Protein backbone atom coordinates (compact mmCIF):
# COMPACT_ATOMS: atom_id res chain seq x y z
CA UNK A 1 27.01 84.34 -48.01
CA UNK A 2 23.49 83.78 -46.64
CA UNK A 3 20.89 81.71 -48.43
CA UNK A 4 17.21 82.57 -48.58
CA UNK A 5 15.77 79.78 -46.48
CA UNK A 6 12.23 81.08 -46.94
CA UNK A 7 11.96 78.71 -49.93
CA UNK A 8 11.69 75.85 -47.43
CA UNK A 9 9.43 77.57 -44.86
CA UNK A 10 6.04 76.10 -44.04
CA UNK A 11 3.35 77.03 -41.55
CA UNK A 12 2.02 74.36 -39.15
CA UNK A 13 -1.33 74.38 -40.99
CA UNK A 14 0.23 73.63 -44.40
CA UNK A 15 -0.39 70.11 -45.72
CA UNK A 16 2.29 67.44 -45.81
CA UNK A 17 2.03 67.46 -49.61
CA UNK A 18 3.40 71.04 -49.60
CA UNK A 19 6.34 69.87 -47.53
CA UNK A 20 7.10 67.14 -50.05
CA UNK A 21 7.05 69.64 -52.93
CA UNK A 22 9.36 72.05 -51.09
CA UNK A 23 11.74 69.23 -50.20
CA UNK A 24 11.91 68.16 -53.84
CA UNK A 25 12.50 71.71 -55.11
CA UNK A 26 15.12 72.66 -52.49
CA UNK A 27 18.10 71.57 -54.57
CA UNK A 28 17.05 73.96 -57.32
CA UNK A 29 17.82 76.79 -54.87
CA UNK A 30 20.98 75.10 -53.50
CA UNK A 31 19.24 74.47 -50.18
CA UNK A 32 19.28 71.30 -48.09
CA UNK A 33 16.98 68.69 -49.59
CA UNK A 34 14.81 66.52 -47.40
CA UNK A 35 13.89 69.11 -44.78
CA UNK A 36 11.44 71.95 -44.30
CA UNK A 37 11.46 74.61 -41.61
CA UNK A 38 8.17 75.09 -39.78
CA UNK A 39 7.76 78.75 -38.85
CA UNK A 40 5.11 80.92 -37.19
CA UNK A 41 3.57 84.07 -38.69
CA UNK A 42 6.60 86.11 -37.58
CA UNK A 43 8.84 83.54 -39.33
CA UNK A 44 10.28 82.28 -36.04
CA UNK A 45 11.43 78.69 -36.19
CA UNK A 46 9.01 76.28 -34.53
CA UNK A 47 10.58 73.04 -35.74
CA UNK A 48 12.12 71.03 -38.53
CA UNK A 49 10.40 68.24 -40.47
CA UNK A 50 12.41 65.72 -42.46
CA UNK A 51 11.43 63.38 -45.25
CA UNK A 52 11.98 60.52 -42.80
CA UNK A 53 9.50 62.06 -40.35
CA UNK A 54 6.88 62.18 -43.09
CA UNK A 55 7.59 58.65 -44.35
CA UNK A 56 7.28 57.21 -40.83
CA UNK A 57 4.04 59.08 -40.05
CA UNK A 58 2.39 58.14 -43.35
CA UNK A 59 3.56 54.50 -43.32
CA UNK A 60 2.29 54.02 -39.76
CA UNK A 61 -1.09 55.50 -40.64
CA UNK A 62 -0.63 58.48 -38.32
CA UNK A 63 -0.87 61.03 -41.15
CA UNK A 64 -1.94 61.42 -44.75
CA UNK A 65 -0.42 63.72 -47.36
CA UNK A 66 -3.40 66.02 -46.82
CA UNK A 67 -2.75 66.24 -43.06
CA UNK A 68 -1.26 69.45 -41.70
CA UNK A 69 2.40 69.47 -40.77
């Protein structure tokens, strides 16, 4: 059985706040919580962002929740 991972897709230009929302809602769709998949316009995987990545960037002042992924 394959799961629809598009629920946790983000584009590189999407804000960090969108990533946080998707991470929080992932369990509702029985998807891994705490990660988002960064994809290009053809939905090819570019990278993975975790909640830890976001926490470290924000706490070190390298990003704000309005910053792009």
